[in-house]
Amino acid sequence: MDWKLFAATFTTIFLAELGDKTQLATFAAAASSSSRRFAVFLGSAAALVACSALAVVAGAALGKAVPLHWLERVGGVLLIALGAWTLWRSWNANGV
């Protein structure tokens, strides 16, 4: 196993998920069902594992069909576009 890749992936995903809407939804579900918190944990963990498995399978398939440098470029452009769109909506919502 590539432990360096494991650590980088874990750190990236862990930090990205902190305060995410998924974590907040899990927080709310656990708060509303105090006697069944383990079921909330298992459901949340299973959903995250399923989403990660889907991403790995899709990424592996896409990686075979499209060169990595194009995936990186498209990902970068999408990230910038989403950031710009978010800023635009924020400024328009606040009347700036």
PDB file of N, CA and C in Angstrom:
ATOM      1  N   MET A   1       0.844  -1.188   0.000  1.00  0.00           N
ATOM      2  CA  MET A   1       0.000   0.000   0.000  1.00  0.00           C
ATOM      3  C   MET A   1       0.884   1.243   0.000  1.00  0.00           C
ATOM      4  N   ASP A   2       0.468   2.234  -0.740  1.00  0.00           N
ATOM      5  CA  ASP A   2       1.177   3.504  -0.804  1.00  0.00           C
ATOM      6  C   ASP A   2       0.684   4.385   0.347  1.00  0.00           C
ATOM      7  N   TRP A   3       1.402   4.376   1.462  1.00  0.00           N
ATOM      8  CA  TRP A   3       0.972   5.097   2.665  1.00  0.00           C
ATOM      9  C   TRP A   3       1.014   6.604   2.494  1.00  0.00           C
ATOM     10  N   LYS A   4       1.914   7.087   1.669  1.00  0.00           N
ATOM     11  CA  LYS A   4       1.987   8.529   1.415  1.00  0.00           C
ATOM     12  C   LYS A   4       0.721   8.987   0.678  1.00  0.00           C
ATOM     13  N   LEU A   5       0.295   8.225  -0.330  1.00  0.00           N
ATOM     14  CA  LEU A   5      -0.933   8.536  -1.054  1.00  0.00           C
ATOM     15  C   LEU A   5      -2.141   8.408  -0.132  1.00  0.00           C
ATOM     16  N   PHE A   6      -2.148   7.380   0.707  1.00  0.00           N
ATOM     17  CA  PHE A   6      -3.232   7.202   1.676  1.00  0.00           C
ATOM     18  C   PHE A   6      -3.347   8.419   2.588  1.00  0.00           C
ATOM     19  N   ALA A   7      -2.214   8.850   3.139  1.00  0.00           N
ATOM     20  CA  ALA A   7      -2.213   9.993   4.063  1.00  0.00           C
ATOM     21  C   ALA A   7      -2.656  11.273   3.363  1.00  0.00           C
ATOM     22  N   ALA A   8      -2.178  11.484   2.147  1.00  0.00           N
ATOM     23  CA  ALA A   8      -2.571  12.690   1.399  1.00  0.00           C
ATOM     24  C   ALA A   8      -4.062  12.678   1.087  1.00  0.00           C
ATOM     25  N   THR A   9      -4.575  11.529   0.687  1.00  0.00           N
ATOM     26  CA  THR A   9      -6.003  11.417   0.372  1.00  0.00           C
ATOM     27  C   THR A   9      -6.845  11.599   1.626  1.00  0.00           C
ATOM     28  N   PHE A  10      -6.457  10.931   2.703  1.00  0.00           N
ATOM     29  CA  PHE A  10      -7.197  11.060   3.964  1.00  0.00           C
ATOM     30  C   PHE A  10      -7.240  12.507   4.423  1.00  0.00           C
ATOM     31  N   THR A  11      -6.095  13.159   4.432  1.00  0.00           N
ATOM     32  CA  THR A  11      -6.019  14.547   4.899  1.00  0.00           C
ATOM     33  C   THR A  11      -6.865  15.464   4.036  1.00  0.00           C
ATOM     34  N   THR A  12      -6.767  15.307   2.729  1.00  0.00           N
ATOM     35  CA  THR A  12      -7.530  16.161   1.815  1.00  0.00           C
ATOM     36  C   THR A  12      -9.024  15.986   2.011  1.00  0.00           C
ATOM     37  N   ILE A  13      -9.481  14.742   2.040  1.00  0.00           N
ATOM     38  CA  ILE A  13     -10.917  14.483   2.172  1.00  0.00           C
ATOM     39  C   ILE A  13     -11.411  14.869   3.567  1.00  0.00           C
ATOM     40  N   PHE A  14     -10.629  14.576   4.590  1.00  0.00           N
ATOM     41  CA  PHE A  14     -11.029  14.922   5.954  1.00  0.00           C
ATOM     42  C   PHE A  14     -11.219  16.426   6.098  1.00  0.00           C
ATOM     43  N   LEU A  15     -10.266  17.202   5.609  1.00  0.00           N
ATOM     44  CA  LEU A  15     -10.370  18.659   5.720  1.00  0.00           C
ATOM     45  C   LEU A  15     -11.499  19.208   4.852  1.00  0.00           C
ATOM     46  N   ALA A  16     -11.717  18.608   3.686  1.00  0.00           N
ATOM     47  CA  ALA A  16     -12.801  19.068   2.807  1.00  0.00           C
ATOM     48  C   ALA A  16     -14.174  18.798   3.416  1.00  0.00           C
ATOM     49  N   GLU A  17     -14.290  17.727   4.186  1.00  0.00           N
ATOM     50  CA  GLU A  17     -15.580  17.351   4.757  1.00  0.00           C
ATOM     51  C   GLU A  17     -15.903  18.082   6.056  1.00  0.00           C
ATOM     52  N   LEU A  18     -14.905  18.645   6.726  1.00  0.00           N
ATOM     53  CA  LEU A  18     -15.171  19.357   7.978  1.00  0.00           C
ATOM     54  C   LEU A  18     -16.093  20.544   7.718  1.00  0.00           C
ATOM     55  N   GLY A  19     -17.188  20.599   8.406  1.00  0.00           N
ATOM     56  CA  GLY A  19     -18.130  21.702   8.252  1.00  0.00           C
ATOM     57  C   GLY A  19     -18.933  21.634   6.963  1.00  0.00           C
ATOM     58  N   ASP A  20     -18.806  20.558   6.224  1.00  0.00           N
ATOM     59  CA  ASP A  20     -19.547  20.381   4.987  1.00  0.00           C
ATOM     60  C   ASP A  20     -21.009  20.092   5.316  1.00  0.00           C
ATOM     61  N   LYS A  21     -21.878  20.279   4.332  1.00  0.00           N
ATOM     62  CA  LYS A  21     -23.304  20.028   4.572  1.00  0.00           C
ATOM     63  C   LYS A  21     -23.572  18.584   4.952  1.00  0.00           C
ATOM     64  N   THR A  22     -22.726  17.657   4.488  1.00  0.00           N
ATOM     65  CA  THR A  22     -22.878  16.255   4.865  1.00  0.00           C
ATOM     66  C   THR A  22     -22.650  16.090   6.362  1.00  0.00           C
ATOM     67  N   GLN A  23     -21.608  16.721   6.865  1.00  0.00           N
ATOM     68  CA  GLN A  23     -21.324  16.629   8.297  1.00  0.00           C
ATOM     69  C   GLN A  23     -22.433  17.301   9.110  1.00  0.00           C
ATOM     70  N   LEU A  24     -22.941  18.418   8.621  1.00  0.00           N
ATOM     71  CA  LEU A  24     -24.012  19.103   9.339  1.00  0.00           C
ATOM     72  C   LEU A  24     -25.300  18.282   9.336  1.00  0.00           C
ATOM     73  N   ALA A  25     -25.592  17.598   8.237  1.00  0.00           N
ATOM     74  CA  ALA A  25     -26.775  16.734   8.184  1.00  0.00           C
ATOM     75  C   ALA A  25     -26.620  15.563   9.153  1.00  0.00           C
ATOM     76  N   THR A  26     -25.426  14.997   9.222  1.00  0.00           N
ATOM     77  CA  THR A  26     -25.167  13.899  10.156  1.00  0.00           C
ATOM     78  C   THR A  26     -25.288  14.394  11.598  1.00  0.00           C
ATOM     79  N   PHE A  27     -24.776  15.589  11.845  1.00  0.00           N
ATOM     80  CA  PHE A  27     -24.879  16.212  13.165  1.00  0.00           C
ATOM     81  C   PHE A  27     -26.345  16.357  13.568  1.00  0.00           C
ATOM     82  N   ALA A  28     -27.172  16.844  12.647  1.00  0.00           N
ATOM     83  CA  ALA A  28     -28.596  17.032  12.935  1.00  0.00           C
ATOM     84  C   ALA A  28     -29.300  15.698  13.169  1.00  0.00           C
ATOM     85  N   ALA A  29     -28.960  14.695  12.359  1.00  0.00           N
ATOM     86  CA  ALA A  29     -29.587  13.378  12.525  1.00  0.00           C
ATOM     87  C   ALA A  29     -29.216  12.764  13.868  1.00  0.00           C
ATOM     88  N   ALA A  30     -27.970  12.922  14.274  1.00  0.00           N
ATOM     89  CA  ALA A  30     -27.532  12.375  15.564  1.00  0.00           C
ATOM     90  C   ALA A  30     -28.189  13.119  16.717  1.00  0.00           C
ATOM     91  N   ALA A  31     -28.356  14.411  16.565  1.00  0.00           N
ATOM     92  CA  ALA A  31     -28.976  15.200  17.628  1.00  0.00           C
ATOM     93  C   ALA A  31     -30.447  14.846  17.800  1.00  0.00           C
ATOM     94  N   SER A  32     -31.124  14.509  16.702  1.00  0.00           N
ATOM     95  CA  SER A  32     -32.556  14.223  16.790  1.00  0.00           C
ATOM     96  C   SER A  32     -32.860  12.782  17.163  1.00  0.00           C
ATOM     97  N   SER A  33     -31.858  11.925  17.175  1.00  0.00           N
ATOM     98  CA  SER A  33     -32.102  10.517  17.529  1.00  0.00           C
ATOM     99  C   SER A  33     -31.041  10.063  18.524  1.00  0.00           C
ATOM    100  N   SER A  34     -31.121  10.590  19.720  1.00  0.00           N
ATOM    101  CA  SER A  34     -30.072  10.377  20.714  1.00  0.00           C
ATOM    102  C   SER A  34     -29.868   8.909  21.080  1.00  0.00           C
ATOM    103  N   SER A  35     -30.901   8.095  21.002  1.00  0.00           N
ATOM    104  CA  SER A  35     -30.738   6.691  21.391  1.00  0.00           C
ATOM    105  C   SER A  35     -30.259   5.813  20.244  1.00  0.00           C
ATOM    106  N   ARG A  36     -30.203   6.365  19.036  1.00  0.00           N
ATOM    107  CA  ARG A  36     -29.818   5.574  17.870  1.00  0.00           C
ATOM    108  C   ARG A  36     -28.637   6.198  17.126  1.00  0.00           C
ATOM    109  N   ARG A  37     -27.704   6.733  17.846  1.00  0.00           N
ATOM    110  CA  ARG A  37     -26.560   7.407  17.224  1.00  0.00           C
ATOM    111  C   ARG A  37     -25.680   6.454  16.426  1.00  0.00           C
ATOM    112  N   PHE A  38     -25.593   5.204  16.850  1.00  0.00           N
ATOM    113  CA  PHE A  38     -24.760   4.250  16.115  1.00  0.00           C
ATOM    114  C   PHE A  38     -25.348   3.997  14.726  1.00  0.00           C
ATOM    115  N   ALA A  39     -26.675   3.959  14.626  1.00  0.00           N
ATOM    116  CA  ALA A  39     -27.319   3.790  13.317  1.00  0.00           C
ATOM    117  C   ALA A  39     -27.030   4.988  12.417  1.00  0.00           C
ATOM    118  N   VAL A  40     -27.021   6.184  13.001  1.00  0.00           N
ATOM    119  CA  VAL A  40     -26.673   7.394  12.233  1.00  0.00           C
ATOM    120  C   VAL A  40     -25.231   7.301  11.761  1.00  0.00           C
ATOM    121  N   PHE A  41     -24.336   6.884  12.648  1.00  0.00           N
ATOM    122  CA  PHE A  41     -22.926   6.739  12.273  1.00  0.00           C
ATOM    123  C   PHE A  41     -22.760   5.734  11.137  1.00  0.00           C
ATOM    124  N   LEU A  42     -23.396   4.549  11.273  1.00  0.00           N
ATOM    125  CA  LEU A  42     -23.270   3.529  10.231  1.00  0.00           C
ATOM    126  C   LEU A  42     -23.849   3.997   8.902  1.00  0.00           C
ATOM    127  N   GLY A  43     -24.994   4.651   8.940  1.00  0.00           N
ATOM    128  CA  GLY A  43     -25.602   5.156   7.710  1.00  0.00           C
ATOM    129  C   GLY A  43     -24.744   6.208   7.047  1.00  0.00           C
ATOM    130  N   SER A  44     -24.221   7.114   7.841  1.00  0.00           N
ATOM    131  CA  SER A  44     -23.359   8.170   7.312  1.00  0.00           C
ATOM    132  C   SER A  44     -22.063   7.601   6.747  1.00  0.00           C
ATOM    133  N   ALA A  45     -21.453   6.687   7.487  1.00  0.00           N
ATOM    134  CA  ALA A  45     -20.199   6.077   7.037  1.00  0.00           C
ATOM    135  C   ALA A  45     -20.414   5.273   5.755  1.00  0.00           C
ATOM    136  N   ALA A  46     -21.516   4.527   5.691  1.00  0.00           N
ATOM    137  CA  ALA A  46     -21.807   3.734   4.492  1.00  0.00           C
ATOM    138  C   ALA A  46     -22.033   4.633   3.279  1.00  0.00           C
ATOM    139  N   ALA A  47     -22.711   5.757   3.478  1.00  0.00           N
ATOM    140  CA  ALA A  47     -22.952   6.688   2.373  1.00  0.00           C
ATOM    141  C   ALA A  47     -21.636   7.286   1.866  1.00  0.00           C
ATOM    142  N   LEU A  48     -20.756   7.659   2.786  1.00  0.00           N
ATOM    143  CA  LEU A  48     -19.465   8.220   2.380  1.00  0.00           C
ATOM    144  C   LEU A  48     -18.601   7.180   1.672  1.00  0.00           C
ATOM    145  N   VAL A  49     -18.646   5.942   2.154  1.00  0.00           N
ATOM    146  CA  VAL A  49     -17.891   4.869   1.495  1.00  0.00           C
ATOM    147  C   VAL A  49     -18.448   4.627   0.094  1.00  0.00           C
ATOM    148  N   ALA A  50     -19.774   4.605  -0.050  1.00  0.00           N
ATOM    149  CA  ALA A  50     -20.384   4.386  -1.360  1.00  0.00           C
ATOM    150  C   ALA A  50     -20.032   5.513  -2.334  1.00  0.00           C
ATOM    151  N   CYS A  51     -20.085   6.755  -1.865  1.00  0.00           N
ATOM    152  CA  CYS A  51     -19.716   7.890  -2.721  1.00  0.00           C
ATOM    153  C   CYS A  51     -18.249   7.826  -3.110  1.00  0.00           C
ATOM    154  N   SER A  52     -17.398   7.447  -2.179  1.00  0.00           N
ATOM    155  CA  SER A  52     -15.975   7.320  -2.479  1.00  0.00           C
ATOM    156  C   SER A  52     -15.716   6.200  -3.470  1.00  0.00           C
ATOM    157  N   ALA A  53     -16.412   5.079  -3.312  1.00  0.00           N
ATOM    158  CA  ALA A  53     -16.249   3.963  -4.253  1.00  0.00           C
ATOM    159  C   ALA A  53     -16.670   4.378  -5.654  1.00  0.00           C
ATOM    160  N   LEU A  54     -17.778   5.092  -5.750  1.00  0.00           N
ATOM    161  CA  LEU A  54     -18.243   5.588  -7.042  1.00  0.00           C
ATOM    162  C   LEU A  54     -17.213   6.530  -7.662  1.00  0.00           C
ATOM    163  N   ALA A  55     -16.634   7.410  -6.862  1.00  0.00           N
ATOM    164  CA  ALA A  55     -15.622   8.340  -7.364  1.00  0.00           C
ATOM    165  C   ALA A  55     -14.374   7.606  -7.833  1.00  0.00           C
ATOM    166  N   VAL A  56     -13.960   6.579  -7.111  1.00  0.00           N
ATOM    167  CA  VAL A  56     -12.767   5.808  -7.506  1.00  0.00           C
ATOM    168  C   VAL A  56     -13.019   5.073  -8.812  1.00  0.00           C
ATOM    169  N   VAL A  57     -14.181   4.426  -8.930  1.00  0.00           N
ATOM    170  CA  VAL A  57     -14.498   3.687 -10.156  1.00  0.00           C
ATOM    171  C   VAL A  57     -14.604   4.644 -11.346  1.00  0.00           C
ATOM    172  N   ALA A  58     -15.315   5.760 -11.160  1.00  0.00           N
ATOM    173  CA  ALA A  58     -15.464   6.729 -12.244  1.00  0.00           C
ATOM    174  C   ALA A  58     -14.122   7.365 -12.591  1.00  0.00           C
ATOM    175  N   GLY A  59     -13.323   7.686 -11.581  1.00  0.00           N
ATOM    176  CA  GLY A  59     -12.009   8.273 -11.824  1.00  0.00           C
ATOM    177  C   GLY A  59     -11.077   7.328 -12.561  1.00  0.00           C
ATOM    178  N   ALA A  60     -11.121   6.061 -12.198  1.00  0.00           N
ATOM    179  CA  ALA A  60     -10.280   5.067 -12.871  1.00  0.00           C
ATOM    180  C   ALA A  60     -10.690   4.920 -14.336  1.00  0.00           C
ATOM    181  N   ALA A  61     -11.992   4.883 -14.595  1.00  0.00           N
ATOM    182  CA  ALA A  61     -12.474   4.758 -15.973  1.00  0.00           C
ATOM    183  C   ALA A  61     -12.138   6.001 -16.783  1.00  0.00           C
ATOM    184  N   LEU A  62     -12.344   7.158 -16.194  1.00  0.00           N
ATOM    185  CA  LEU A  62     -12.043   8.403 -16.886  1.00  0.00           C
ATOM    186  C   LEU A  62     -10.548   8.555 -17.116  1.00  0.00           C
ATOM    187  N   GLY A  63      -9.758   8.102 -16.136  1.00  0.00           N
ATOM    188  CA  GLY A  63      -8.304   8.178 -16.261  1.00  0.00           C
ATOM    189  C   GLY A  63      -7.756   7.321 -17.392  1.00  0.00           C
ATOM    190  N   LYS A  64      -8.461   6.254 -17.744  1.00  0.00           N
ATOM    191  CA  LYS A  64      -8.042   5.410 -18.868  1.00  0.00           C
ATOM    192  C   LYS A  64      -8.402   6.045 -20.207  1.00  0.00           C
ATOM    193  N   ALA A  65      -9.475   6.826 -20.232  1.00  0.00           N
ATOM    194  CA  ALA A  65      -9.971   7.393 -21.481  1.00  0.00           C
ATOM    195  C   ALA A  65      -9.411   8.783 -21.788  1.00  0.00           C
ATOM    196  N   VAL A  66      -9.048   9.529 -20.743  1.00  0.00           N
ATOM    197  CA  VAL A  66      -8.609  10.914 -20.912  1.00  0.00           C
ATOM    198  C   VAL A  66      -7.247  11.079 -20.246  1.00  0.00           C
ATOM    199  N   PRO A  67      -6.292  11.711 -20.927  1.00  0.00           N
ATOM    200  CA  PRO A  67      -4.977  11.938 -20.313  1.00  0.00           C
ATOM    201  C   PRO A  67      -5.085  12.779 -19.033  1.00  0.00           C
ATOM    202  N   LEU A  68      -4.231  12.476 -18.068  1.00  0.00           N
ATOM    203  CA  LEU A  68      -4.268  13.133 -16.764  1.00  0.00           C
ATOM    204  C   LEU A  68      -4.154  14.641 -16.868  1.00  0.00           C
ATOM    205  N   HIS A  69      -3.301  15.151 -17.748  1.00  0.00           N
ATOM    206  CA  HIS A  69      -3.142  16.602 -17.826  1.00  0.00           C
ATOM    207  C   HIS A  69      -4.435  17.297 -18.260  1.00  0.00           C
ATOM    208  N   TRP A  70      -5.258  16.634 -19.065  1.00  0.00           N
ATOM    209  CA  TRP A  70      -6.545  17.218 -19.438  1.00  0.00           C
ATOM    210  C   TRP A  70      -7.536  17.172 -18.284  1.00  0.00           C
ATOM    211  N   LEU A  71      -7.509  16.104 -17.513  1.00  0.00           N
ATOM    212  CA  LEU A  71      -8.374  16.038 -16.325  1.00  0.00           C
ATOM    213  C   LEU A  71      -8.017  17.147 -15.340  1.00  0.00           C
ATOM    214  N   GLU A  72      -6.715  17.375 -15.153  1.00  0.00           N
ATOM    215  CA  GLU A  72      -6.275  18.435 -14.251  1.00  0.00           C
ATOM    216  C   GLU A  72      -6.697  19.809 -14.762  1.00  0.00           C
ATOM    217  N   ARG A  73      -6.564  20.037 -16.054  1.00  0.00           N
ATOM    218  CA  ARG A  73      -6.953  21.326 -16.633  1.00  0.00           C
ATOM    219  C   ARG A  73      -8.454  21.560 -16.514  1.00  0.00           C
ATOM    220  N   VAL A  74      -9.233  20.556 -16.880  1.00  0.00           N
ATOM    221  CA  VAL A  74     -10.691  20.694 -16.804  1.00  0.00           C
ATOM    222  C   VAL A  74     -11.116  20.874 -15.343  1.00  0.00           C
ATOM    223  N   GLY A  75     -10.508  20.111 -14.439  1.00  0.00           N
ATOM    224  CA  GLY A  75     -10.818  20.269 -13.017  1.00  0.00           C
ATOM    225  C   GLY A  75     -10.486  21.662 -12.516  1.00  0.00           C
ATOM    226  N   GLY A  76      -9.349  22.194 -12.939  1.00  0.00           N
ATOM    227  CA  GLY A  76      -8.964  23.553 -12.543  1.00  0.00           C
ATOM    228  C   GLY A  76      -9.920  24.600 -13.075  1.00  0.00           C
ATOM    229  N   VAL A  77     -10.302  24.462 -14.343  1.00  0.00           N
ATOM    230  CA  VAL A  77     -11.250  25.410 -14.945  1.00  0.00           C
ATOM    231  C   VAL A  77     -12.597  25.336 -14.238  1.00  0.00           C
ATOM    232  N   LEU A  78     -13.066  24.123 -13.950  1.00  0.00           N
ATOM    233  CA  LEU A  78     -14.343  23.974 -13.239  1.00  0.00           C
ATOM    234  C   LEU A  78     -14.281  24.582 -11.833  1.00  0.00           C
ATOM    235  N   LEU A  79     -13.165  24.387 -11.147  1.00  0.00           N
ATOM    236  CA  LEU A  79     -13.011  24.961  -9.816  1.00  0.00           C
ATOM    237  C   LEU A  79     -13.051  26.484  -9.869  1.00  0.00           C
ATOM    238  N   ILE A  80     -12.342  27.070 -10.826  1.00  0.00           N
ATOM    239  CA  ILE A  80     -12.342  28.527 -10.978  1.00  0.00           C
ATOM    240  C   ILE A  80     -13.740  29.019 -11.356  1.00  0.00           C
ATOM    241  N   ALA A  81     -14.399  28.321 -12.275  1.00  0.00           N
ATOM    242  CA  ALA A  81     -15.740  28.725 -12.709  1.00  0.00           C
ATOM    243  C   ALA A  81     -16.736  28.661 -11.551  1.00  0.00           C
ATOM    244  N   LEU A  82     -16.679  27.587 -10.770  1.00  0.00           N
ATOM    245  CA  LEU A  82     -17.587  27.479  -9.617  1.00  0.00           C
ATOM    246  C   LEU A  82     -17.293  28.549  -8.575  1.00  0.00           C
ATOM    247  N   GLY A  83     -16.032  28.848  -8.351  1.00  0.00           N
ATOM    248  CA  GLY A  83     -15.665  29.909  -7.422  1.00  0.00           C
ATOM    249  C   GLY A  83     -16.163  31.267  -7.893  1.00  0.00           C
ATOM    250  N   ALA A  84     -15.985  31.557  -9.192  1.00  0.00           N
ATOM    251  CA  ALA A  84     -16.458  32.823  -9.746  1.00  0.00           C
ATOM    252  C   ALA A  84     -17.975  32.920  -9.665  1.00  0.00           C
ATOM    253  N   TRP A  85     -18.665  31.819  -9.987  1.00  0.00           N
ATOM    254  CA  TRP A  85     -20.118  31.809  -9.916  1.00  0.00           C
ATOM    255  C   TRP A  85     -20.605  32.033  -8.483  1.00  0.00           C
ATOM    256  N   THR A  86     -19.926  31.403  -7.514  1.00  0.00           N
ATOM    257  CA  THR A  86     -20.287  31.573  -6.111  1.00  0.00           C
ATOM    258  C   THR A  86     -20.090  33.016  -5.668  1.00  0.00           C
ATOM    259  N   LEU A  87     -18.961  33.612  -6.058  1.00  0.00           N
ATOM    260  CA  LEU A  87     -18.726  35.022  -5.721  1.00  0.00           C
ATOM    261  C   LEU A  87     -19.771  35.927  -6.365  1.00  0.00           C
ATOM    262  N   TRP A  88     -20.086  35.679  -7.636  1.00  0.00           N
ATOM    263  CA  TRP A  88     -21.073  36.486  -8.339  1.00  0.00           C
ATOM    264  C   TRP A  88     -22.423  36.423  -7.651  1.00  0.00           C
ATOM    265  N   ARG A  89     -22.842  35.201  -7.287  1.00  0.00           N
ATOM    266  CA  ARG A  89     -24.136  35.054  -6.593  1.00  0.00           C
ATOM    267  C   ARG A  89     -24.116  35.741  -5.233  1.00  0.00           C
ATOM    268  N   SER A  90     -22.984  35.651  -4.542  1.00  0.00           N
ATOM    269  CA  SER A  90     -22.861  36.271  -3.232  1.00  0.00           C
ATOM    270  C   SER A  90     -22.969  37.794  -3.341  1.00  0.00           C
ATOM    271  N   TRP A  91     -22.279  38.353  -4.312  1.00  0.00           N
ATOM    272  CA  TRP A  91     -22.333  39.815  -4.483  1.00  0.00           C
ATOM    273  C   TRP A  91     -23.719  40.262  -4.908  1.00  0.00           C
ATOM    274  N   ASN A  92     -24.375  39.520  -5.781  1.00  0.00           N
ATOM    275  CA  ASN A  92     -25.710  39.895  -6.218  1.00  0.00           C
ATOM    276  C   ASN A  92     -26.744  39.718  -5.120  1.00  0.00           C
ATOM    277  N   ALA A  93     -26.567  38.747  -4.265  1.00  0.00           N
ATOM    278  CA  ALA A  93     -27.512  38.507  -3.175  1.00  0.00           C
ATOM    279  C   ALA A  93     -27.409  39.601  -2.117  1.00  0.00           C
ATOM    280  N   ASN A  94     -26.221  40.188  -1.986  1.00  0.00           N
ATOM    281  CA  ASN A  94     -26.020  41.213  -0.954  1.00  0.00           C
ATOM    282  C   ASN A  94     -26.124  42.617  -1.507  1.00  0.00           C
ATOM    283  N   GLY A  95     -26.493  42.743  -2.763  1.00  0.00           N
ATOM    284  CA  GLY A  95     -26.675  44.066  -3.357  1.00  0.00           C
ATOM    285  C   GLY A  95     -25.399  44.817  -3.631  1.00  0.00           C
ATOM    286  N   VAL A  96     -24.288  44.108  -3.758  1.00  0.00           N
ATOM    287  CA  VAL A  96     -23.005  44.781  -4.026  1.00  0.00           C
ATOM    288  C   VAL A  96     -22.854  45.000  -5.505  1.00  0.00           C
TER     289      VAL A  96
END
